Protein backbone atom coordinates (compact mmCIF):
# COMPACT_ATOMS: atom_id res chain seq x y z
CA MET A 1 0.00 0.00 0.00
CA ASN A 2 1.33 3.44 -0.92
CA GLU A 3 1.67 5.83 2.01
CA ILE A 4 0.43 9.40 1.64
CA LEU A 5 3.02 12.04 2.41
CA PRO A 6 1.99 14.39 5.23
CA ASP A 7 0.51 17.74 4.14
CA LYS A 8 3.09 19.54 6.30
CA PHE A 9 5.74 18.64 3.68
CA ALA A 10 3.81 20.04 0.72
CA ASN A 11 5.97 23.19 0.56
CA ALA A 12 9.32 21.63 1.47
CA VAL A 13 12.25 22.14 -0.92
CA ILE A 14 15.89 21.18 -1.19
CA CYS A 15 18.02 24.24 -1.84
CA MET A 16 21.53 22.79 -1.74
CA ALA A 17 23.18 19.39 -2.13
CA ASN A 18 26.87 18.70 -2.69
CA ASN A 19 30.01 16.72 -1.84
CA TYR A 20 32.96 18.34 -0.07
CA GLN A 21 36.45 16.86 0.17
CA PHE A 22 38.36 18.26 3.16
CA GLY A 23 42.11 18.73 3.05
CA PRO A 24 44.43 17.27 5.73
CA ALA A 25 43.37 18.59 9.15
CA GLY A 26 40.80 20.79 7.38
CA ARG A 27 38.56 22.94 9.56
CA ARG A 28 35.24 24.71 8.88
CA HIS A 29 32.80 26.38 11.24
CA PHE A 30 29.26 27.64 10.63
CA PRO A 31 27.55 29.29 13.63
CA GLN A 32 23.91 29.26 12.46
CA VAL A 33 22.66 27.03 9.65
CA GLN A 34 18.98 27.45 8.84
CA SER A 35 18.08 24.15 7.23
CA ARG A 36 17.22 20.59 8.15
CA MET A 37 20.45 19.02 6.97
CA CYS A 38 21.31 15.46 5.99
CA LEU A 39 25.04 14.85 6.33
CA TRP A 40 27.02 11.67 5.74
CA CYS A 41 30.60 10.47 5.41
CA LYS A 42 31.69 8.81 2.16
CA ALA A 43 35.39 8.26 2.88
CA GLY A 44 38.12 9.17 5.36
CA HIS A 45 37.28 10.26 8.87
CA GLY A 46 37.35 13.07 11.40
CA GLN A 47 35.10 14.71 13.96
CA ILE A 48 31.96 16.80 13.67
CA LYS A 49 30.76 19.06 16.47
CA ILE A 50 27.02 19.75 16.22
CA ASN A 51 25.43 22.09 18.75
CA ASN A 52 28.36 21.51 21.15
CA LYS A 53 28.14 17.71 20.89
CA THR A 54 31.11 15.98 19.24
CA PHE A 55 30.68 12.94 17.00
CA SER A 56 33.30 10.68 15.49
CA CYS A 57 32.66 10.51 11.75
CA HIS A 58 33.55 7.51 9.57
CA PRO A 59 32.20 6.06 6.30
CA TYR A 60 28.44 5.36 6.43
CA ASP A 61 27.88 7.59 9.44
CA TYR A 62 24.67 9.49 8.64
CA PHE A 63 23.44 12.55 10.52
CA ILE A 64 20.12 14.43 10.48
CA LEU A 65 20.62 17.94 11.86
CA PRO A 66 17.92 20.24 13.27
CA TRP A 67 17.03 23.73 12.06
CA ASN A 68 19.33 26.53 13.30
CA HIS A 69 22.21 24.19 14.08
CA THR A 70 25.83 25.12 14.74
CA ILE A 71 28.46 22.89 13.17
CA LYS A 72 32.24 22.51 13.19
CA TYR A 73 34.11 20.14 10.89
CA LEU A 74 37.46 18.71 12.05
CA ALA A 75 39.04 16.49 9.38
CA ASP A 76 41.70 13.91 10.18
CA ARG A 77 45.28 14.93 9.37
CA GLU A 78 46.17 11.72 7.51
CA GLU A 79 42.83 10.64 6.03
CA PRO A 80 40.51 13.69 5.82
CA PHE A 81 36.88 12.88 5.24
CA LEU A 82 34.81 13.27 2.09
CA LEU A 83 31.36 14.44 3.19
CA ALA A 84 28.05 14.90 1.43
CA GLY A 85 25.23 17.17 2.55
CA ILE A 86 21.65 18.00 1.63
CA HIS A 87 19.91 21.13 2.93
CA ILE A 88 16.13 20.90 3.29
CA ILE A 89 13.86 23.89 3.84
CA PRO A 90 10.74 22.34 5.42
CA TYR A 91 8.55 25.29 4.38
CA GLN A 92 9.23 27.57 1.44
CA ASP A 93 6.58 30.16 0.53
CA PRO A 94 5.33 28.88 -2.84
CA GLN A 95 4.90 32.48 -4.04
CA HIS A 96 8.56 33.32 -3.46
CA PRO A 97 11.31 32.41 -5.96
CA LEU A 98 13.48 29.52 -4.83
CA ILE A 99 17.04 30.60 -4.01
CA PHE A 100 19.64 27.83 -4.13
CA ASP A 101 21.51 28.98 -1.04
CA VAL A 102 21.40 28.45 2.73
CA ALA A 103 21.97 30.83 5.63
CA HIS A 104 25.12 29.67 7.46
CA HIS A 105 25.63 32.59 9.84
CA PRO A 106 23.56 35.36 11.51
CA GLN A 107 24.69 38.02 9.02
CA HIS A 108 23.61 36.04 5.95
CA GLU A 109 20.91 37.76 3.87
CA LEU A 110 18.63 34.70 4.16
CA THR A 111 18.82 34.43 7.95
CA ASP A 112 15.34 34.63 9.51
CA CYS A 113 13.70 35.56 6.22
CA ASN A 114 9.90 35.37 6.48
CA TRP A 115 9.39 33.06 3.51
CA ARG A 116 11.49 30.15 4.83
CA LYS A 117 10.52 28.27 7.98
CA ASP A 118 11.03 25.07 9.90
CA VAL A 119 8.20 22.66 10.67
CA GLU A 120 7.88 20.39 13.67
CA LEU A 121 9.12 16.84 13.02
CA GLU A 122 8.40 14.51 15.92
CA GLY A 123 11.50 12.60 17.03
CA LEU A 124 13.83 14.88 15.05
CA GLU A 125 14.10 17.78 17.48
CA GLU A 126 17.79 17.00 18.11
CA THR A 127 20.65 15.62 16.02
CA ILE A 128 20.04 12.03 14.92
CA HIS A 129 23.05 9.81 14.14
CA PHE A 130 23.12 6.25 12.85
CA LYS A 131 25.04 3.87 10.60
CA LEU A 132 23.70 2.99 7.16
CA THR A 133 24.66 0.29 4.71
CA ALA A 134 25.59 0.89 1.07
CA GLN A 135 22.20 -0.46 -0.01
CA SER A 136 20.12 1.55 2.44
CA SER A 137 17.22 3.23 0.66
CA LEU A 138 17.91 6.48 2.51
CA LEU A 139 21.56 6.49 1.42
CA MET A 140 20.74 5.62 -2.18
CA LEU A 141 18.07 8.35 -2.30
CA SER A 142 20.51 10.85 -0.79
CA GLU A 143 23.18 9.96 -3.36
CA TYR A 144 20.61 10.36 -6.16
CA ILE A 145 19.80 13.86 -4.92
CA ILE A 146 23.51 14.77 -4.84
CA LYS A 147 23.90 13.60 -8.45
CA SER A 148 20.76 15.47 -9.49
CA PHE A 149 22.14 18.73 -8.14
CA ALA A 150 25.58 18.07 -9.63
CA GLN A 151 23.95 17.71 -13.05
CA LYS A 152 21.90 20.88 -12.41
CA SER A 153 18.70 19.00 -13.22
CA SER A 154 16.74 20.10 -10.14
CA GLY A 155 14.24 22.86 -10.74
CA LYS A 156 11.80 24.11 -8.10
CA GLN A 157 9.24 21.41 -8.86
CA ASN A 158 11.82 18.63 -8.68
CA THR A 159 13.39 19.88 -5.46
CA GLY A 160 9.96 19.98 -3.85
CA MET A 161 9.18 16.43 -4.86
CA LEU A 162 12.61 15.20 -3.74
CA ALA A 163 12.30 17.04 -0.42
CA GLN A 164 8.97 15.37 0.34
CA ILE A 165 10.30 11.91 -0.51
CA LEU A 166 13.49 12.50 1.48
CA LEU A 167 11.65 13.75 4.57
CA HIS A 168 9.35 10.76 4.39
CA GLU A 169 12.32 8.38 4.13
CA ILE A 170 14.15 10.16 6.99
CA ILE A 171 11.20 9.70 9.33
CA HIS A 172 10.80 6.07 8.32
CA THR A 173 14.50 5.29 8.75
CA ALA A 174 14.90 7.20 12.01
CA SER A 175 11.98 5.31 13.54
CA ASP A 176 13.21 1.96 12.26
CA ILE A 177 16.95 2.10 13.07
CA PRO A 178 18.14 2.52 16.66
CA THR A 179 20.29 5.62 17.08
CA THR A 180 23.94 4.97 17.90
CA THR A 181 26.35 6.79 20.17
CA GLN A 182 30.04 7.34 19.88
CA THR A 183 30.72 5.05 22.87
CA GLN A 184 28.54 2.23 21.57
CA ASN A 185 30.28 2.31 18.20
CA LYS A 186 33.88 2.68 19.30
CA GLU A 187 34.83 -0.91 18.43
CA LEU A 188 32.62 -0.96 15.34
CA ASN A 189 34.17 2.26 14.04
CA GLN A 190 37.60 0.73 14.52
CA LEU A 191 36.60 -2.25 12.38
CA LEU A 192 34.94 -0.11 9.71
CA GLN A 193 37.99 2.11 9.42
CA TYR A 194 40.26 -0.94 9.17
CA ILE A 195 38.10 -2.39 6.40
CA ASN A 196 38.04 0.92 4.53
CA ASN A 197 41.84 1.19 4.73
CA HIS A 198 42.52 -2.41 3.65
CA LEU A 199 40.06 -3.04 0.82
CA THR A 200 42.90 -3.84 -1.57
CA GLN A 201 43.99 -6.71 0.68
CA ARG A 202 42.49 -10.08 1.56
CA LEU A 203 40.04 -9.57 4.41
CA VAL A 204 38.58 -12.41 6.46
CA LEU A 205 36.61 -12.60 9.68
CA GLU A 206 39.68 -13.74 11.61
CA ASP A 207 41.47 -10.48 10.75
CA LEU A 208 38.68 -8.41 12.31
CA ALA A 209 38.52 -10.61 15.39
CA ALA A 210 42.30 -10.32 15.87
CA LEU A 211 42.06 -6.53 15.63
CA LEU A 212 39.71 -6.43 18.63
CA ASN A 213 41.27 -9.45 20.33
CA CYS A 214 37.91 -11.20 20.43
CA SER A 215 36.13 -14.17 18.86
CA ASN A 216 34.70 -14.39 15.35
CA SER A 217 31.20 -14.69 16.77
CA THR A 218 31.64 -11.47 18.77
CA VAL A 219 32.53 -9.56 15.61
CA SER A 220 29.55 -11.07 13.78
CA ARG A 221 27.20 -10.05 16.59
CA LEU A 222 28.60 -6.50 16.55
CA PHE A 223 27.85 -6.10 12.83
CA GLN A 224 24.42 -7.69 13.09
CA LYS A 225 23.43 -5.54 16.05
CA HIS A 226 24.40 -2.16 14.56
CA LEU A 227 24.38 -2.68 10.78
CA LYS A 228 22.02 -5.64 10.30
CA ILE A 229 24.57 -7.32 8.04
CA SER A 230 27.39 -9.87 8.34
CA PRO A 231 31.03 -8.69 8.38
CA ILE A 232 31.71 -10.35 5.01
CA GLY A 233 28.54 -8.82 3.60
CA TRP A 234 29.73 -5.39 4.75
CA ILE A 235 33.15 -5.93 3.17
CA THR A 236 31.45 -6.83 -0.11
CA HIS A 237 29.29 -3.69 0.04
CA CYS A 238 32.37 -1.54 0.65
CA ARG A 239 34.24 -3.14 -2.26
CA ILE A 240 31.35 -2.69 -4.66
CA ASN A 241 30.84 0.89 -3.50
CA ARG A 242 34.52 1.68 -4.04
CA ALA A 243 34.34 0.00 -7.46
CA LYS A 244 31.37 2.21 -8.39
CA GLU A 245 33.41 5.30 -7.56
CA LEU A 246 36.37 4.12 -9.63
CA LEU A 247 34.16 3.19 -12.58
CA SER A 248 32.38 6.55 -12.38
CA THR A 249 35.42 8.78 -11.96
CA THR A 250 38.26 7.06 -13.85
CA GLN A 251 38.97 5.22 -17.08
CA MET A 252 40.83 2.50 -15.16
CA PRO A 253 40.54 -0.94 -16.84
CA ILE A 254 37.99 -3.28 -15.28
CA ALA A 255 40.70 -5.74 -14.19
CA GLN A 256 42.57 -2.93 -12.44
CA VAL A 257 39.37 -1.77 -10.70
CA ALA A 258 38.95 -5.33 -9.44
CA LYS A 259 42.47 -5.31 -7.98
CA GLU A 260 41.94 -1.89 -6.41
CA VAL A 261 39.01 -3.26 -4.42
CA GLY A 262 40.79 -6.45 -3.37
CA ILE A 263 39.42 -8.92 -5.91
CA ALA A 264 42.17 -10.62 -7.91
CA ASP A 265 39.92 -12.44 -10.41
CA PRO A 266 38.28 -9.94 -12.81
CA PHE A 267 35.71 -12.53 -13.92
CA TYR A 268 34.59 -13.12 -10.34
CA PHE A 269 34.57 -9.36 -9.78
CA SER A 270 32.27 -8.81 -12.78
CA LYS A 271 29.93 -11.55 -11.60
CA LEU A 272 29.83 -10.15 -8.06
CA PHE A 273 29.37 -6.57 -9.28
CA LYS A 274 26.40 -7.56 -11.46
CA LYS A 275 24.84 -9.53 -8.61
CA GLN A 276 25.05 -6.49 -6.33
CA THR A 277 24.06 -3.78 -8.81
CA ALA A 278 22.18 -5.57 -11.63
CA PHE A 279 24.73 -4.14 -14.10
CA SER A 280 28.04 -5.38 -15.41
CA PRO A 281 30.99 -3.07 -14.62
CA LEU A 282 31.18 -1.94 -18.26
CA VAL A 283 27.46 -1.18 -18.51
CA TYR A 284 27.60 0.69 -15.18
CA ARG A 285 30.52 2.79 -16.45
CA ASN A 286 28.76 3.60 -19.73
CA ARG A 287 25.70 4.79 -17.82
CA THR A 288 27.81 7.32 -15.90
CA VAL A 289 28.95 10.61 -17.39
CA LEU A 290 32.67 11.16 -16.79
CA ILE A 291 34.07 14.65 -16.40
């Protein structure tokens, strides 16, 4: 059965969506951001301070930030993070032209303008933080919106439709996935960072268990509890996700892409890639516009 989107979202719009690669030890600070922001880490790591609360930020960390938030970005010195963000205006006066910009500080010309407003979203009054998988519907929708803005294909009508769908998916996901804290995820983050840094190498469950000095079953329970996936399943997702990036952004031969994501046999890589994405690596590459 199709669910009807709440009327309160009828005038929501997305006014900004982009990726940002931080440099080593990169720092940014915005004292007053007037949007409901979706923010997630695509690679690297660092820390994010939101309304005076500090979060460790690693790949697949996803944040939903409240209206009027303060944010500081603190990228790692050795492996600075690549972040993506979407700014949602929950209410935009339909009679006012849409401006593709967001107030980031009190002196900004859009700060407290009377034709942009927040709306109450139950359960989303504070920052929400959780882990997603590569195949999460929220993450895939968010990535689609980023690509749509990068291709400049989002007019006012499209941004309104995308905002409604995204807000609906946010509420569904936030109610379905338990929120995670930095303390609860300390060991998991260690494993995820290790996997991300060693995708070119052979990775087995015993490696992850040795890293935490625990049993294989303990590692498996950790992944199932927080990510609802097995450790090997997560490694496969990470490899396919990295392969997608290489296929989309480089002309690297398919066999080399396979090696770069830790799969020595290009035939097995192609079979696995198609199983995960429904496309062969070559077809996936041809569907993506390279710069």
